[in-house]
Amino acid sequence: MPHTVTKYQPTPNPNALKCFVVPPVGDRPRSFRKPEEGAADPTAAAIFAIPGISSLLLSGDWLTVNKSPEADWAPIKKGLERALAQLA
């Protein structure tokens, strides 16, 4: 089901960003510390396909993405919105 990002919330970590989404991304928390761990999860795989994403936490109506220090947030946010909107 397609998802929409409703809000971004910064975290104390400059390389982490909390994203609120509708509808929820699942009914249980899922954490992936590297892309290989998320390969079997369609939502995680779509997000890890975005360049710069290093780890991911999915939990209900929010998710937290971590990026590599050299990556910029602007293209990651656009990629997140596009990837989440295309989920079936």
PDB file of N, CA and C in Angstrom:
ATOM      1  N   MET A   1       0.843  -1.171   0.000  1.00  0.00           N
ATOM      2  CA  MET A   1       0.000   0.000   0.000  1.00  0.00           C
ATOM      3  C   MET A   1       0.897   1.247   0.000  1.00  0.00           C
ATOM      4  N   PRO A   2       0.629   2.204  -0.851  1.00  0.00           N
ATOM      5  CA  PRO A   2       1.440   3.430  -0.894  1.00  0.00           C
ATOM      6  C   PRO A   2       1.377   4.181   0.439  1.00  0.00           C
ATOM      7  N   HIS A   3       2.475   4.827   0.765  1.00  0.00           N
ATOM      8  CA  HIS A   3       2.571   5.598   2.001  1.00  0.00           C
ATOM      9  C   HIS A   3       2.916   7.045   1.665  1.00  0.00           C
ATOM     10  N   THR A   4       2.513   7.955   2.543  1.00  0.00           N
ATOM     11  CA  THR A   4       2.820   9.369   2.399  1.00  0.00           C
ATOM     12  C   THR A   4       3.558   9.842   3.634  1.00  0.00           C
ATOM     13  N   VAL A   5       4.650  10.564   3.431  1.00  0.00           N
ATOM     14  CA  VAL A   5       5.359  11.177   4.549  1.00  0.00           C
ATOM     15  C   VAL A   5       4.572  12.422   4.951  1.00  0.00           C
ATOM     16  N   THR A   6       4.165  12.484   6.225  1.00  0.00           N
ATOM     17  CA  THR A   6       3.394  13.636   6.701  1.00  0.00           C
ATOM     18  C   THR A   6       4.262  14.664   7.416  1.00  0.00           C
ATOM     19  N   LYS A   7       5.402  14.212   7.951  1.00  0.00           N
ATOM     20  CA  LYS A   7       6.261  15.129   8.695  1.00  0.00           C
ATOM     21  C   LYS A   7       7.636  14.520   8.876  1.00  0.00           C
ATOM     22  N   TYR A   8       8.651  15.377   8.860  1.00  0.00           N
ATOM     23  CA  TYR A   8      10.016  14.977   9.200  1.00  0.00           C
ATOM     24  C   TYR A   8      10.354  15.601  10.545  1.00  0.00           C
ATOM     25  N   GLN A   9      11.044  14.837  11.388  1.00  0.00           N
ATOM     26  CA  GLN A   9      11.449  15.350  12.695  1.00  0.00           C
ATOM     27  C   GLN A   9      12.938  15.087  12.884  1.00  0.00           C
ATOM     28  N   PRO A  10      13.721  16.139  13.095  1.00  0.00           N
ATOM     29  CA  PRO A  10      15.146  15.925  13.343  1.00  0.00           C
ATOM     30  C   PRO A  10      15.360  15.171  14.658  1.00  0.00           C
ATOM     31  N   THR A  11      16.489  14.550  14.785  1.00  0.00           N
ATOM     32  CA  THR A  11      16.868  13.850  16.010  1.00  0.00           C
ATOM     33  C   THR A  11      18.169  14.479  16.515  1.00  0.00           C
ATOM     34  N   PRO A  12      18.585  14.137  17.721  1.00  0.00           N
ATOM     35  CA  PRO A  12      19.872  14.662  18.201  1.00  0.00           C
ATOM     36  C   PRO A  12      21.058  14.227  17.328  1.00  0.00           C
ATOM     37  N   ASN A  13      20.897  13.121  16.629  1.00  0.00           N
ATOM     38  CA  ASN A  13      21.938  12.634  15.717  1.00  0.00           C
ATOM     39  C   ASN A  13      21.745  13.311  14.358  1.00  0.00           C
ATOM     40  N   PRO A  14      22.713  14.099  13.875  1.00  0.00           N
ATOM     41  CA  PRO A  14      22.534  14.783  12.593  1.00  0.00           C
ATOM     42  C   PRO A  14      22.432  13.826  11.398  1.00  0.00           C
ATOM     43  N   ASN A  15      22.784  12.565  11.596  1.00  0.00           N
ATOM     44  CA  ASN A  15      22.701  11.580  10.518  1.00  0.00           C
ATOM     45  C   ASN A  15      21.466  10.688  10.629  1.00  0.00           C
ATOM     46  N   ALA A  16      20.524  11.070  11.489  1.00  0.00           N
ATOM     47  CA  ALA A  16      19.274  10.317  11.656  1.00  0.00           C
ATOM     48  C   ALA A  16      18.089  11.268  11.528  1.00  0.00           C
ATOM     49  N   LEU A  17      17.027  10.779  10.906  1.00  0.00           N
ATOM     50  CA  LEU A  17      15.828  11.583  10.695  1.00  0.00           C
ATOM     51  C   LEU A  17      14.606  10.701  10.925  1.00  0.00           C
ATOM     52  N   LYS A  18      13.669  11.200  11.743  1.00  0.00           N
ATOM     53  CA  LYS A  18      12.420  10.476  11.993  1.00  0.00           C
ATOM     54  C   LYS A  18      11.384  10.978  10.995  1.00  0.00           C
ATOM     55  N   CYS A  19      10.664  10.052  10.373  1.00  0.00           N
ATOM     56  CA  CYS A  19       9.660  10.381   9.359  1.00  0.00           C
ATOM     57  C   CYS A  19       8.326   9.774   9.788  1.00  0.00           C
ATOM     58  N   PHE A  20       7.300  10.601   9.830  1.00  0.00           N
ATOM     59  CA  PHE A  20       5.954  10.118  10.140  1.00  0.00           C
ATOM     60  C   PHE A  20       5.240   9.821   8.829  1.00  0.00           C
ATOM     61  N   VAL A  21       4.551   8.671   8.774  1.00  0.00           N
ATOM     62  CA  VAL A  21       3.920   8.230   7.533  1.00  0.00           C
ATOM     63  C   VAL A  21       2.486   7.761   7.768  1.00  0.00           C
ATOM     64  N   VAL A  22       1.683   7.860   6.723  1.00  0.00           N
ATOM     65  CA  VAL A  22       0.341   7.264   6.701  1.00  0.00           C
ATOM     66  C   VAL A  22       0.216   6.488   5.401  1.00  0.00           C
ATOM     67  N   PRO A  23      -0.428   5.362   5.422  1.00  0.00           N
ATOM     68  CA  PRO A  23      -0.795   4.553   6.580  1.00  0.00           C
ATOM     69  C   PRO A  23       0.459   3.994   7.264  1.00  0.00           C
ATOM     70  N   PRO A  24       0.304   3.322   8.414  1.00  0.00           N
ATOM     71  CA  PRO A  24       1.452   2.755   9.117  1.00  0.00           C
ATOM     72  C   PRO A  24       2.262   1.793   8.234  1.00  0.00           C
ATOM     73  N   VAL A  25       3.550   1.701   8.537  1.00  0.00           N
ATOM     74  CA  VAL A  25       4.447   0.838   7.762  1.00  0.00           C
ATOM     75  C   VAL A  25       4.499  -0.589   8.299  1.00  0.00           C
ATOM     76  N   GLY A  26       3.645  -0.900   9.228  1.00  0.00           N
ATOM     77  CA  GLY A  26       3.580  -2.266   9.750  1.00  0.00           C
ATOM     78  C   GLY A  26       3.005  -2.289  11.147  1.00  0.00           C
ATOM     79  N   ASP A  27       2.780  -3.497  11.642  1.00  0.00           N
ATOM     80  CA  ASP A  27       2.178  -3.641  12.961  1.00  0.00           C
ATOM     81  C   ASP A  27       3.193  -4.043  14.030  1.00  0.00           C
ATOM     82  N   ARG A  28       4.459  -4.185  13.628  1.00  0.00           N
ATOM     83  CA  ARG A  28       5.504  -4.520  14.596  1.00  0.00           C
ATOM     84  C   ARG A  28       6.791  -3.779  14.207  1.00  0.00           C
ATOM     85  N   PRO A  29       7.599  -3.387  15.188  1.00  0.00           N
ATOM     86  CA  PRO A  29       8.865  -2.714  14.875  1.00  0.00           C
ATOM     87  C   PRO A  29       9.835  -3.658  14.157  1.00  0.00           C
ATOM     88  N   ARG A  30      10.577  -3.093  13.215  1.00  0.00           N
ATOM     89  CA  ARG A  30      11.598  -3.837  12.482  1.00  0.00           C
ATOM     90  C   ARG A  30      12.816  -2.942  12.343  1.00  0.00           C
ATOM     91  N   SER A  31      13.975  -3.488  12.669  1.00  0.00           N
ATOM     92  CA  SER A  31      15.212  -2.730  12.613  1.00  0.00           C
ATOM     93  C   SER A  31      16.198  -3.415  11.681  1.00  0.00           C
ATOM     94  N   PHE A  32      16.841  -2.625  10.846  1.00  0.00           N
ATOM     95  CA  PHE A  32      17.809  -3.144   9.885  1.00  0.00           C
ATOM     96  C   PHE A  32      19.072  -2.295   9.987  1.00  0.00           C
ATOM     97  N   ARG A  33      20.171  -2.894  10.431  1.00  0.00           N
ATOM     98  CA  ARG A  33      21.413  -2.146  10.616  1.00  0.00           C
ATOM     99  C   ARG A  33      22.231  -2.005   9.348  1.00  0.00           C
ATOM    100  N   LYS A  34      21.880  -2.780   8.330  1.00  0.00           N
ATOM    101  CA  LYS A  34      22.563  -2.674   7.035  1.00  0.00           C
ATOM    102  C   LYS A  34      21.622  -3.157   5.944  1.00  0.00           C
ATOM    103  N   PRO A  35      21.865  -2.725   4.711  1.00  0.00           N
ATOM    104  CA  PRO A  35      20.940  -3.064   3.612  1.00  0.00           C
ATOM    105  C   PRO A  35      20.662  -4.555   3.451  1.00  0.00           C
ATOM    106  N   GLU A  36      21.662  -5.397   3.640  1.00  0.00           N
ATOM    107  CA  GLU A  36      21.462  -6.840   3.446  1.00  0.00           C
ATOM    108  C   GLU A  36      20.386  -7.387   4.386  1.00  0.00           C
ATOM    109  N   GLU A  37      20.289  -6.818   5.577  1.00  0.00           N
ATOM    110  CA  GLU A  37      19.293  -7.295   6.544  1.00  0.00           C
ATOM    111  C   GLU A  37      17.863  -6.983   6.106  1.00  0.00           C
ATOM    112  N   GLY A  38      17.682  -5.962   5.277  1.00  0.00           N
ATOM    113  CA  GLY A  38      16.350  -5.572   4.840  1.00  0.00           C
ATOM    114  C   GLY A  38      15.949  -6.103   3.482  1.00  0.00           C
ATOM    115  N   ALA A  39      16.775  -6.937   2.879  1.00  0.00           N
ATOM    116  CA  ALA A  39      16.523  -7.407   1.514  1.00  0.00           C
ATOM    117  C   ALA A  39      15.186  -8.135   1.356  1.00  0.00           C
ATOM    118  N   ALA A  40      14.744  -8.873   2.374  1.00  0.00           N
ATOM    119  CA  ALA A  40      13.501  -9.645   2.270  1.00  0.00           C
ATOM    120  C   ALA A  40      12.265  -8.831   2.647  1.00  0.00           C
ATOM    121  N   ASP A  41      12.454  -7.618   3.136  1.00  0.00           N
ATOM    122  CA  ASP A  41      11.339  -6.758   3.542  1.00  0.00           C
ATOM    123  C   ASP A  41      11.107  -5.728   2.438  1.00  0.00           C
ATOM    124  N   PRO A  42       9.958  -5.742   1.757  1.00  0.00           N
ATOM    125  CA  PRO A  42       9.747  -4.834   0.620  1.00  0.00           C
ATOM    126  C   PRO A  42       9.915  -3.351   0.956  1.00  0.00           C
ATOM    127  N   THR A  43       9.430  -2.937   2.128  1.00  0.00           N
ATOM    128  CA  THR A  43       9.554  -1.527   2.503  1.00  0.00           C
ATOM    129  C   THR A  43      11.015  -1.176   2.755  1.00  0.00           C
ATOM    130  N   ALA A  44      11.707  -2.002   3.508  1.00  0.00           N
ATOM    131  CA  ALA A  44      13.124  -1.751   3.791  1.00  0.00           C
ATOM    132  C   ALA A  44      13.947  -1.777   2.510  1.00  0.00           C
ATOM    133  N   ALA A  45      13.688  -2.746   1.641  1.00  0.00           N
ATOM    134  CA  ALA A  45      14.449  -2.841   0.394  1.00  0.00           C
ATOM    135  C   ALA A  45      14.261  -1.588  -0.455  1.00  0.00           C
ATOM    136  N   ALA A  46      13.038  -1.062  -0.517  1.00  0.00           N
ATOM    137  CA  ALA A  46      12.775   0.151  -1.293  1.00  0.00           C
ATOM    138  C   ALA A  46      13.521   1.346  -0.710  1.00  0.00           C
ATOM    139  N   ILE A  47      13.583   1.430   0.608  1.00  0.00           N
ATOM    140  CA  ILE A  47      14.267   2.553   1.251  1.00  0.00           C
ATOM    141  C   ILE A  47      15.777   2.408   1.120  1.00  0.00           C
ATOM    142  N   PHE A  48      16.300   1.211   1.299  1.00  0.00           N
ATOM    143  CA  PHE A  48      17.743   1.002   1.159  1.00  0.00           C
ATOM    144  C   PHE A  48      18.226   1.221  -0.273  1.00  0.00           C
ATOM    145  N   ALA A  49      17.333   1.212  -1.237  1.00  0.00           N
ATOM    146  CA  ALA A  49      17.725   1.494  -2.620  1.00  0.00           C
ATOM    147  C   ALA A  49      18.079   2.976  -2.809  1.00  0.00           C
ATOM    148  N   ILE A  50      17.740   3.813  -1.846  1.00  0.00           N
ATOM    149  CA  ILE A  50      18.056   5.241  -1.904  1.00  0.00           C
ATOM    150  C   ILE A  50      19.525   5.422  -1.526  1.00  0.00           C
ATOM    151  N   PRO A  51      20.323   6.034  -2.373  1.00  0.00           N
ATOM    152  CA  PRO A  51      21.741   6.229  -2.045  1.00  0.00           C
ATOM    153  C   PRO A  51      21.921   7.031  -0.757  1.00  0.00           C
ATOM    154  N   GLY A  52      22.814   6.563   0.087  1.00  0.00           N
ATOM    155  CA  GLY A  52      23.148   7.268   1.314  1.00  0.00           C
ATOM    156  C   GLY A  52      22.520   6.691   2.564  1.00  0.00           C
ATOM    157  N   ILE A  53      21.484   5.841   2.437  1.00  0.00           N
ATOM    158  CA  ILE A  53      20.829   5.253   3.612  1.00  0.00           C
ATOM    159  C   ILE A  53      21.730   4.151   4.173  1.00  0.00           C
ATOM    160  N   SER A  54      21.984   4.209   5.485  1.00  0.00           N
ATOM    161  CA  SER A  54      22.867   3.214   6.089  1.00  0.00           C
ATOM    162  C   SER A  54      22.146   2.264   7.043  1.00  0.00           C
ATOM    163  N   SER A  55      21.077   2.713   7.712  1.00  0.00           N
ATOM    164  CA  SER A  55      20.293   1.831   8.577  1.00  0.00           C
ATOM    165  C   SER A  55      18.878   2.388   8.698  1.00  0.00           C
ATOM    166  N   LEU A  56      17.990   1.560   9.263  1.00  0.00           N
ATOM    167  CA  LEU A  56      16.572   1.884   9.208  1.00  0.00           C
ATOM    168  C   LEU A  56      15.828   1.221  10.355  1.00  0.00           C
ATOM    169  N   LEU A  57      14.881   1.968  10.929  1.00  0.00           N
ATOM    170  CA  LEU A  57      13.964   1.435  11.938  1.00  0.00           C
ATOM    171  C   LEU A  57      12.550   1.767  11.486  1.00  0.00           C
ATOM    172  N   LEU A  58      11.707   0.755  11.338  1.00  0.00           N
ATOM    173  CA  LEU A  58      10.303   0.925  10.951  1.00  0.00           C
ATOM    174  C   LEU A  58       9.442   0.584  12.157  1.00  0.00           C
ATOM    175  N   SER A  59       8.487   1.453  12.485  1.00  0.00           N
ATOM    176  CA  SER A  59       7.644   1.186  13.645  1.00  0.00           C
ATOM    177  C   SER A  59       6.309   1.914  13.519  1.00  0.00           C
ATOM    178  N   GLY A  60       5.277   1.199  13.127  1.00  0.00           N
ATOM    179  CA  GLY A  60       3.935   1.783  13.054  1.00  0.00           C
ATOM    180  C   GLY A  60       3.858   2.964  12.111  1.00  0.00           C
ATOM    181  N   ASP A  61       3.503   4.135  12.660  1.00  0.00           N
ATOM    182  CA  ASP A  61       3.303   5.308  11.803  1.00  0.00           C
ATOM    183  C   ASP A  61       4.552   6.177  11.668  1.00  0.00           C
ATOM    184  N   TRP A  62       5.704   5.637  11.998  1.00  0.00           N
ATOM    185  CA  TRP A  62       6.953   6.379  11.810  1.00  0.00           C
ATOM    186  C   TRP A  62       8.091   5.443  11.446  1.00  0.00           C
ATOM    187  N   LEU A  63       9.122   6.029  10.899  1.00  0.00           N
ATOM    188  CA  LEU A  63      10.351   5.313  10.617  1.00  0.00           C
ATOM    189  C   LEU A  63      11.508   6.270  10.851  1.00  0.00           C
ATOM    190  N   THR A  64      12.643   5.715  11.197  1.00  0.00           N
ATOM    191  CA  THR A  64      13.857   6.512  11.350  1.00  0.00           C
ATOM    192  C   THR A  64      14.891   5.979  10.380  1.00  0.00           C
ATOM    193  N   VAL A  65      15.419   6.886   9.574  1.00  0.00           N
ATOM    194  CA  VAL A  65      16.476   6.518   8.637  1.00  0.00           C
ATOM    195  C   VAL A  65      17.773   7.146   9.117  1.00  0.00           C
ATOM    196  N   ASN A  66      18.847   6.404   8.946  1.00  0.00           N
ATOM    197  CA  ASN A  66      20.188   6.900   9.210  1.00  0.00           C
ATOM    198  C   ASN A  66      20.918   6.966   7.883  1.00  0.00           C
ATOM    199  N   LYS A  67      21.690   8.026   7.707  1.00  0.00           N
ATOM    200  CA  LYS A  67      22.429   8.206   6.462  1.00  0.00           C
ATOM    201  C   LYS A  67      23.914   8.182   6.750  1.00  0.00           C
ATOM    202  N   SER A  68      24.686   7.957   5.711  1.00  0.00           N
ATOM    203  CA  SER A  68      26.132   8.065   5.842  1.00  0.00           C
ATOM    204  C   SER A  68      26.468   9.547   6.030  1.00  0.00           C
ATOM    205  N   PRO A  69      27.544   9.856   6.753  1.00  0.00           N
ATOM    206  CA  PRO A  69      27.860  11.253   7.061  1.00  0.00           C
ATOM    207  C   PRO A  69      28.020  12.159   5.838  1.00  0.00           C
ATOM    208  N   GLU A  70      28.475  11.628   4.734  1.00  0.00           N
ATOM    209  CA  GLU A  70      28.699  12.462   3.546  1.00  0.00           C
ATOM    210  C   GLU A  70      27.438  12.684   2.705  1.00  0.00           C
ATOM    211  N   ALA A  71      26.365  11.968   2.995  1.00  0.00           N
ATOM    212  CA  ALA A  71      25.121  12.092   2.221  1.00  0.00           C
ATOM    213  C   ALA A  71      24.339  13.334   2.648  1.00  0.00           C
ATOM    214  N   ASP A  72      23.582  13.903   1.715  1.00  0.00           N
ATOM    215  CA  ASP A  72      22.742  15.073   1.980  1.00  0.00           C
ATOM    216  C   ASP A  72      21.295  14.644   2.205  1.00  0.00           C
ATOM    217  N   TRP A  73      20.601  15.367   3.083  1.00  0.00           N
ATOM    218  CA  TRP A  73      19.216  15.019   3.392  1.00  0.00           C
ATOM    219  C   TRP A  73      18.243  15.318   2.252  1.00  0.00           C
ATOM    220  N   ALA A  74      18.453  16.372   1.486  1.00  0.00           N
ATOM    221  CA  ALA A  74      17.468  16.754   0.454  1.00  0.00           C
ATOM    222  C   ALA A  74      17.179  15.614  -0.526  1.00  0.00           C
ATOM    223  N   PRO A  75      18.193  14.998  -1.158  1.00  0.00           N
ATOM    224  CA  PRO A  75      17.868  13.901  -2.081  1.00  0.00           C
ATOM    225  C   PRO A  75      17.343  12.657  -1.367  1.00  0.00           C
ATOM    226  N   ILE A  76      17.750  12.455  -0.131  1.00  0.00           N
ATOM    227  CA  ILE A  76      17.239  11.303   0.617  1.00  0.00           C
ATOM    228  C   ILE A  76      15.752  11.495   0.901  1.00  0.00           C
ATOM    229  N   LYS A  77      15.348  12.693   1.311  1.00  0.00           N
ATOM    230  CA  LYS A  77      13.924  12.958   1.561  1.00  0.00           C
ATOM    231  C   LYS A  77      13.098  12.754   0.290  1.00  0.00           C
ATOM    232  N   LYS A  78      13.571  13.262  -0.830  1.00  0.00           N
ATOM    233  CA  LYS A  78      12.850  13.072  -2.100  1.00  0.00           C
ATOM    234  C   LYS A  78      12.763  11.599  -2.443  1.00  0.00           C
ATOM    235  N   GLY A  79      13.855  10.876  -2.251  1.00  0.00           N
ATOM    236  CA  GLY A  79      13.867   9.444  -2.522  1.00  0.00           C
ATOM    237  C   GLY A  79      12.911   8.687  -1.622  1.00  0.00           C
ATOM    238  N   LEU A  80      12.859   9.059  -0.345  1.00  0.00           N
ATOM    239  CA  LEU A  80      11.925   8.424   0.591  1.00  0.00           C
ATOM    240  C   LEU A  80      10.488   8.626   0.160  1.00  0.00           C
ATOM    241  N   GLU A  81      10.146   9.856  -0.162  1.00  0.00           N
ATOM    242  CA  GLU A  81       8.774  10.149  -0.578  1.00  0.00           C
ATOM    243  C   GLU A  81       8.395   9.363  -1.828  1.00  0.00           C
ATOM    244  N   ARG A  82       9.309   9.294  -2.780  1.00  0.00           N
ATOM    245  CA  ARG A  82       9.058   8.560  -4.022  1.00  0.00           C
ATOM    246  C   ARG A  82       8.945   7.068  -3.761  1.00  0.00           C
ATOM    247  N   ALA A  83       9.892   6.505  -2.994  1.00  0.00           N
ATOM    248  CA  ALA A  83       9.889   5.064  -2.723  1.00  0.00           C
ATOM    249  C   ALA A  83       8.641   4.642  -1.951  1.00  0.00           C
ATOM    250  N   LEU A  84       8.289   5.397  -0.933  1.00  0.00           N
ATOM    251  CA  LEU A  84       7.110   5.040  -0.117  1.00  0.00           C
ATOM    252  C   LEU A  84       5.817   5.177  -0.923  1.00  0.00           C
ATOM    253  N   ALA A  85       5.748   6.148  -1.801  1.00  0.00           N
ATOM    254  CA  ALA A  85       4.540   6.335  -2.617  1.00  0.00           C
ATOM    255  C   ALA A  85       4.350   5.211  -3.632  1.00  0.00           C
ATOM    256  N   GLN A  86       5.433   4.521  -3.990  1.00  0.00           N
ATOM    257  CA  GLN A  86       5.365   3.480  -5.013  1.00  0.00           C
ATOM    258  C   GLN A  86       5.173   2.083  -4.451  1.00  0.00           C
ATOM    259  N   LEU A  87       5.157   1.957  -3.124  1.00  0.00           N
ATOM    260  CA  LEU A  87       4.965   0.622  -2.539  1.00  0.00           C
ATOM    261  C   LEU A  87       3.579   0.100  -2.850  1.00  0.00           C
ATOM    262  N   ALA A  88       3.501  -1.165  -3.185  1.00  0.00           N
ATOM    263  CA  ALA A  88       2.201  -1.771  -3.521  1.00  0.00           C
ATOM    264  C   ALA A  88       1.719  -2.648  -2.388  1.00  0.00           C
TER     265      ALA A  88
END
